[in-house]
Amino acid sequence: NDGRRSRRVVEGTRTRFAQEDLDAQLRERRAAAKIKAEKEKAKRAREHRRREKEEEAARVARAAEEERILRENRENAARARQELRAQQLREQHELEARLLNQNAPRAGSPSASRATGAGVRRA
């Protein structure tokens, strides 16, 4: 009887130790899985922050490029207006000069003589 009882105690102890070993292994696997999940989560968070920074840098670069284009467009428009105004002034001066030349008395013409007082004879 004592032999059977001690064998049962030994087997029970062995079973209990085996169960404790299994429980410890399970706890270790769960802890390792938790650590792995936390590492993955941290990795995803880093990747997300990196992607956000890249996207923000791209947005800033696009905005700077758009601003540069707008500034160039404004400068080009101002230059074009200035050139157009200069051309209009040149054309206006040319027109005025032509009109003055058309209305100016010609040398040797009766109007030129009258204008200068030349050729007026007094008796």
Protein backbone atom coordinates (compact mmCIF):
# COMPACT_ATOMS: atom_id res chain seq x y z
CA ASN A 1 0.00 0.00 0.00
CA ASP A 2 2.71 2.38 0.94
CA GLY A 3 4.51 1.59 -2.29
CA ARG A 4 1.43 2.31 -4.33
CA ARG A 5 0.71 5.46 -2.45
CA SER A 6 4.26 6.69 -2.81
CA ARG A 7 4.19 5.79 -6.51
CA ARG A 8 0.96 7.79 -6.89
CA VAL A 9 2.51 10.69 -5.00
CA VAL A 10 5.57 10.50 -7.21
CA GLU A 11 3.43 10.29 -10.35
CA GLY A 12 1.22 13.13 -9.08
CA THR A 13 4.27 15.19 -8.31
CA ARG A 14 5.72 14.36 -11.71
CA THR A 15 2.42 15.34 -13.37
CA ARG A 16 2.27 18.55 -11.36
CA PHE A 17 5.85 19.44 -12.32
CA ALA A 18 5.12 18.62 -15.95
CA GLN A 19 2.03 20.86 -15.85
CA GLU A 20 4.05 23.62 -14.20
CA ASP A 21 6.66 23.27 -16.96
CA LEU A 22 3.93 23.49 -19.60
CA ASP A 23 2.45 26.53 -17.86
CA ALA A 24 5.88 28.18 -17.69
CA GLN A 25 6.48 27.49 -21.39
CA LEU A 26 3.08 28.96 -22.23
CA ARG A 27 3.82 32.07 -20.16
CA GLU A 28 7.20 32.43 -21.89
CA ARG A 29 5.61 32.04 -25.35
CA ARG A 30 2.92 34.58 -24.46
CA ALA A 31 5.54 37.02 -23.14
CA ALA A 32 7.64 36.54 -26.29
CA ALA A 33 4.56 37.06 -28.47
CA LYS A 34 3.66 40.20 -26.51
CA ILE A 35 7.19 41.57 -26.91
CA LYS A 36 7.11 40.73 -30.62
CA ALA A 37 3.73 42.46 -31.01
CA GLU A 38 5.03 45.53 -29.17
CA LYS A 39 8.09 45.63 -31.43
CA GLU A 40 5.89 45.37 -34.52
CA LYS A 41 3.63 48.12 -33.19
CA ALA A 42 6.64 50.37 -32.53
CA LYS A 43 7.98 49.58 -36.01
CA ARG A 44 4.64 50.51 -37.60
CA ALA A 45 4.52 53.71 -35.54
CA ARG A 46 8.06 54.66 -36.68
CA GLU A 47 7.16 53.88 -40.28
CA HIS A 48 3.98 55.94 -39.98
CA ARG A 49 5.89 58.92 -38.53
CA ARG A 50 8.54 58.60 -41.25
CA ARG A 51 5.86 58.51 -43.95
CA GLU A 52 4.12 61.54 -42.41
CA LYS A 53 7.40 63.46 -42.36
CA GLU A 54 8.06 62.55 -46.01
CA GLU A 55 4.54 63.60 -46.99
CA GLU A 56 4.90 66.89 -45.10
CA ALA A 57 8.26 67.53 -46.77
CA ALA A 58 6.66 66.80 -50.15
CA ARG A 59 3.76 69.16 -49.35
CA VAL A 60 6.20 71.90 -48.34
CA ALA A 61 8.25 71.34 -51.50
CA ARG A 62 5.10 71.47 -53.68
CA ALA A 63 3.93 74.64 -51.95
CA ALA A 64 7.35 76.25 -52.44
CA GLU A 65 7.36 75.24 -56.11
CA GLU A 66 3.84 76.59 -56.60
CA GLU A 67 4.83 79.85 -54.90
CA ARG A 68 7.92 80.11 -57.10
CA ILE A 69 5.79 79.56 -60.22
CA LEU A 70 3.25 82.15 -59.09
CA ARG A 71 6.03 84.64 -58.35
CA GLU A 72 7.58 84.02 -61.78
CA ASN A 73 4.17 84.43 -63.40
CA ARG A 74 3.64 87.73 -61.57
CA GLU A 75 7.10 88.93 -62.57
CA ASN A 76 6.57 87.86 -66.19
CA ALA A 77 3.17 89.59 -66.28
CA ALA A 78 4.66 92.79 -64.82
CA ARG A 79 7.53 92.65 -67.32
CA ALA A 80 5.08 92.08 -70.19
CA ARG A 81 2.93 95.02 -69.04
CA GLN A 82 6.02 97.21 -68.79
CA GLU A 83 7.21 96.16 -72.26
CA LEU A 84 3.74 96.72 -73.71
CA ARG A 85 3.56 100.18 -72.14
CA ALA A 86 7.03 101.04 -73.50
CA GLN A 87 5.99 99.83 -76.96
CA GLN A 88 2.78 101.86 -76.79
CA LEU A 89 4.76 104.95 -75.78
CA ARG A 90 7.22 104.42 -78.67
CA GLU A 91 4.35 104.01 -81.11
CA GLN A 92 2.64 107.09 -79.71
CA HIS A 93 5.85 109.14 -80.06
CA GLU A 94 6.35 107.86 -83.61
CA LEU A 95 2.77 108.78 -84.49
CA GLU A 96 3.15 112.24 -82.98
CA ALA A 97 6.43 112.74 -84.84
CA ARG A 98 4.78 111.67 -88.13
CA LEU A 99 1.88 114.02 -87.51
CA LEU A 100 4.28 116.87 -86.75
CA ASN A 101 6.23 116.10 -89.90
CA GLN A 102 3.02 116.00 -91.96
CA ASN A 103 1.93 119.37 -90.62
CA ALA A 104 5.35 120.99 -90.74
CA PRO A 105 5.88 123.34 -93.69
CA ARG A 106 8.15 121.94 -96.39
CA ALA A 107 11.25 123.82 -97.42
CA GLY A 108 10.57 125.80 -100.54
CA SER A 109 6.84 125.62 -100.19
CA PRO A 110 4.76 128.79 -99.97
CA SER A 111 3.72 127.88 -96.45
CA ALA A 112 7.36 127.53 -95.43
CA SER A 113 8.11 130.95 -96.84
CA ARG A 114 5.22 132.48 -94.99
CA ALA A 115 6.17 130.71 -91.79
CA THR A 116 9.73 132.01 -91.88
CA GLY A 117 8.93 135.37 -93.36
CA ALA A 118 11.27 134.62 -96.22
CA GLY A 119 10.21 135.53 -99.69
CA VAL A 120 7.85 138.22 -98.51
CA ARG A 121 8.34 141.19 -100.77
CA ARG A 122 7.38 144.62 -99.82
CA ALA A 123 6.93 147.21 -102.44
